[in-house]
Amino acid sequence: MKAVAIWLMHCLEWALLGVGIGALGVYGYESVEARRFQAQQTAAFESAAKSERAPSRVAAGGLVGMLDVPRLQLSTPVIEGDDDRTLKRAVGHLPDTPMPWESGNSAMAGHRDGLFRPLKDVKVGDEIRFRTTRDEFIYRVTKTSIVAPDDVSVLERQSEATLTLITCYPFYYVGSAPQRFIVHATRQ
């Protein structure tokens, strides 16, 4: 009986080791794929910027531009869409909000455990740059807030050009985060 228990414990140890290695493999693959995608989109942006092509519309999954927060050393491509696939690889522009080159409240979302992790250190007054093939837009952070996930008031229409960045909160929460961290910025 004791030998069977020892054998089962060894089997369990090997099974758990296998699950752990598998999870690391999936994480590694997803991380490499996200970095490859970001590099590809950054290169596409640089190429489009040089050719001075400015699309009038951006299709779902298309490149909107580059989001930079210099003080936080954050620079990332922004893709049209807010689906899981987009947010695993880049920051997503919420399709129901204006584009950064339009007037109104343009909103972007990103994962707190990914590209938007540096936002935990954002401060009022920080500069945010949004580069597109049309122009570069400069924003200043005016405030941050924490809201419930179903609070869509942060997406309300604005008369002035604003930028809203959205990520989950708390930043180091394990599992599905219960709140959202919002960065509000106004175009200069």
Protein backbone atom coordinates (compact mmCIF):
# COMPACT_ATOMS: atom_id res chain seq x y z
CA MET A 1 0.00 0.00 0.00
CA LYS A 2 2.81 2.38 0.92
CA ALA A 3 4.59 1.66 -2.36
CA VAL A 4 1.43 2.48 -4.32
CA ALA A 5 1.07 5.80 -2.45
CA ILE A 6 4.70 6.70 -3.19
CA TRP A 7 4.23 5.75 -6.84
CA LEU A 8 1.07 7.92 -7.06
CA MET A 9 2.93 10.85 -5.48
CA HIS A 10 5.72 10.52 -8.07
CA CYS A 11 3.13 10.39 -10.86
CA LEU A 12 1.45 13.49 -9.46
CA GLU A 13 4.79 15.30 -9.23
CA TRP A 14 5.59 14.48 -12.87
CA ALA A 15 2.10 15.48 -13.99
CA LEU A 16 2.36 18.82 -12.20
CA LEU A 17 5.82 19.36 -13.65
CA GLY A 18 4.39 18.65 -17.11
CA VAL A 19 1.54 21.11 -16.58
CA GLY A 20 4.00 23.76 -15.36
CA ILE A 21 6.30 23.28 -18.34
CA GLY A 22 3.30 23.38 -20.68
CA ALA A 23 2.06 26.62 -19.12
CA LEU A 24 5.51 28.18 -19.47
CA GLY A 25 5.60 27.08 -23.09
CA VAL A 26 2.23 28.71 -23.84
CA TYR A 27 3.29 31.90 -22.03
CA GLY A 28 6.58 31.96 -23.93
CA TYR A 29 4.86 31.45 -27.28
CA GLU A 30 2.27 34.17 -26.60
CA SER A 31 4.99 36.60 -25.44
CA VAL A 32 7.15 36.01 -28.51
CA GLU A 33 4.14 36.26 -30.81
CA ALA A 34 3.07 39.57 -29.21
CA ARG A 35 6.58 41.04 -29.54
CA ARG A 36 6.81 39.87 -33.16
CA PHE A 37 3.43 41.44 -33.92
CA GLN A 38 4.41 44.72 -32.23
CA ALA A 39 7.68 44.88 -34.17
CA GLN A 40 5.84 44.13 -37.42
CA GLN A 41 3.24 46.85 -36.74
CA THR A 42 5.91 49.36 -35.72
CA ALA A 43 7.76 48.71 -38.99
CA ALA A 44 4.50 49.04 -40.93
CA PHE A 45 3.83 52.36 -39.22
CA GLU A 46 7.32 53.68 -40.01
CA SER A 47 6.92 52.62 -43.63
CA ALA A 48 3.47 54.21 -43.95
CA ALA A 49 4.68 57.41 -42.27
CA LYS A 50 7.51 57.72 -44.79
CA SER A 51 5.16 57.25 -47.74
CA GLU A 52 2.80 59.83 -46.21
CA ARG A 53 -0.25 57.64 -46.82
CA ALA A 54 -3.11 58.60 -44.56
CA PRO A 55 -6.04 56.18 -44.70
CA SER A 56 -9.45 57.75 -44.21
CA ARG A 57 -10.70 54.64 -42.40
CA VAL A 58 -8.97 51.96 -40.39
CA ALA A 59 -10.38 48.45 -40.74
CA ALA A 60 -10.73 46.11 -37.77
CA GLY A 61 -7.28 44.77 -36.94
CA GLY A 62 -5.61 47.62 -38.86
CA LEU A 63 -2.89 49.88 -37.52
CA VAL A 64 -4.22 53.17 -36.08
CA GLY A 65 -0.88 54.59 -34.95
CA MET A 66 1.74 54.57 -32.21
CA LEU A 67 1.07 55.49 -28.58
CA ASP A 68 4.03 56.87 -26.64
CA VAL A 69 4.31 57.92 -22.99
CA PRO A 70 7.94 59.13 -22.91
CA ARG A 71 8.37 59.41 -19.12
CA LEU A 72 7.20 55.82 -18.67
CA GLN A 73 9.23 54.57 -21.66
CA LEU A 74 6.02 53.16 -23.10
CA SER A 75 5.75 52.89 -26.86
CA THR A 76 3.28 50.56 -28.55
CA PRO A 77 1.30 50.14 -31.74
CA VAL A 78 -2.45 50.73 -31.47
CA ILE A 79 -4.68 48.43 -33.48
CA GLU A 80 -8.34 49.00 -34.36
CA GLY A 81 -10.47 46.77 -32.15
CA ASP A 82 -10.90 45.65 -28.58
CA ASP A 83 -11.27 41.88 -28.99
CA ASP A 84 -9.15 39.37 -27.05
CA ARG A 85 -6.82 38.66 -29.97
CA THR A 86 -6.02 42.35 -30.45
CA LEU A 87 -5.44 43.01 -26.75
CA LYS A 88 -3.12 40.00 -26.41
CA ARG A 89 -0.80 41.54 -29.01
CA ALA A 90 -1.21 45.31 -28.82
CA VAL A 91 -3.22 48.18 -27.43
CA GLY A 92 -6.67 48.42 -29.00
CA HIS A 93 -8.64 51.45 -30.13
CA LEU A 94 -12.27 51.11 -29.02
CA PRO A 95 -14.22 51.09 -32.31
CA ASP A 96 -17.18 53.10 -31.01
CA THR A 97 -14.99 56.09 -30.14
CA PRO A 98 -13.49 58.76 -32.46
CA MET A 99 -10.08 58.29 -33.99
CA PRO A 100 -7.29 60.40 -32.44
CA TRP A 101 -7.31 62.78 -35.42
CA GLU A 102 -11.04 63.43 -34.93
CA SER A 103 -12.58 65.60 -32.25
CA GLY A 104 -14.08 63.89 -29.23
CA ASN A 105 -13.06 61.23 -26.74
CA SER A 106 -10.78 58.63 -28.33
CA ALA A 107 -10.36 55.54 -26.13
CA MET A 108 -7.64 52.87 -26.03
CA ALA A 109 -7.53 49.69 -23.97
CA GLY A 110 -4.64 47.44 -22.99
CA HIS A 111 -3.84 44.68 -20.51
CA ARG A 112 -2.49 45.68 -17.09
CA ASP A 113 -0.15 42.69 -17.09
CA GLY A 114 1.17 43.56 -20.53
CA LEU A 115 1.70 46.76 -22.47
CA PHE A 116 -0.22 48.99 -20.04
CA ARG A 117 1.67 47.86 -16.91
CA PRO A 118 3.72 51.12 -16.90
CA LEU A 119 0.50 53.12 -16.45
CA LYS A 120 0.67 52.26 -12.74
CA ASP A 121 3.26 55.07 -12.52
CA VAL A 122 1.48 57.68 -14.67
CA LYS A 123 1.14 61.16 -13.17
CA VAL A 124 -1.00 64.19 -13.87
CA GLY A 125 0.91 66.37 -16.33
CA ASP A 126 2.61 63.46 -18.14
CA GLU A 127 2.84 63.84 -21.89
CA ILE A 128 1.22 61.27 -24.15
CA ARG A 129 2.02 61.29 -27.86
CA PHE A 130 -0.12 59.63 -30.46
CA ARG A 131 1.64 59.34 -33.81
CA THR A 132 -0.36 58.57 -36.94
CA THR A 133 0.40 58.83 -40.64
CA ARG A 134 -1.72 61.99 -40.56
CA ASP A 135 0.05 63.86 -37.76
CA GLU A 136 1.40 63.63 -34.24
CA PHE A 137 -1.00 64.55 -31.44
CA ILE A 138 0.21 65.61 -28.01
CA TYR A 139 -1.93 65.06 -24.92
CA ARG A 140 -1.43 65.90 -21.23
CA VAL A 141 -2.72 63.67 -18.47
CA THR A 142 -5.36 65.64 -16.56
CA LYS A 143 -6.43 62.96 -14.07
CA THR A 144 -6.67 59.26 -13.32
CA SER A 145 -9.61 57.40 -11.87
CA ILE A 146 -10.70 53.93 -10.80
CA VAL A 147 -14.13 52.75 -11.90
CA ALA A 148 -16.26 49.61 -12.00
CA PRO A 149 -15.92 47.49 -15.17
CA ASP A 150 -19.44 48.39 -16.30
CA ASP A 151 -18.98 52.15 -15.81
CA VAL A 152 -18.97 53.45 -19.37
CA SER A 153 -19.20 57.11 -18.34
CA VAL A 154 -15.48 57.37 -19.10
CA LEU A 155 -16.38 56.93 -22.78
CA GLU A 156 -18.85 59.82 -22.89
CA ARG A 157 -18.62 62.17 -25.83
CA GLN A 158 -16.48 65.23 -25.26
CA SER A 159 -16.52 68.52 -27.15
CA GLU A 160 -12.73 68.81 -26.96
CA ALA A 161 -10.19 66.29 -28.23
CA THR A 162 -9.43 63.89 -25.39
CA LEU A 163 -7.73 60.55 -24.97
CA THR A 164 -8.86 57.88 -22.51
CA LEU A 165 -6.61 54.94 -21.66
CA ILE A 166 -8.25 51.94 -19.97
CA THR A 167 -6.73 48.96 -18.20
CA CYS A 168 -7.67 46.57 -15.41
CA TYR A 169 -7.06 47.40 -11.76
CA PRO A 170 -5.46 46.65 -9.33
CA PHE A 171 -2.29 46.16 -11.34
CA TYR A 172 -1.01 43.20 -9.33
CA TYR A 173 -4.35 41.46 -8.80
CA VAL A 174 -4.34 37.74 -9.53
CA GLY A 175 -7.24 36.72 -11.74
CA SER A 176 -9.92 38.83 -13.35
CA ALA A 177 -9.52 42.32 -11.90
CA PRO A 178 -12.59 43.86 -10.23
CA GLN A 179 -12.01 47.46 -11.38
CA ARG A 180 -10.67 49.58 -14.24
CA PHE A 181 -7.86 52.16 -14.10
CA ILE A 182 -8.56 55.15 -16.33
CA VAL A 183 -6.12 57.76 -17.61
CA HIS A 184 -7.76 60.96 -18.87
CA ALA A 185 -5.76 63.27 -21.15
CA THR A 186 -6.52 66.40 -23.16
CA ARG A 187 -4.98 67.30 -26.52
CA GLN A 188 -2.61 70.27 -26.38
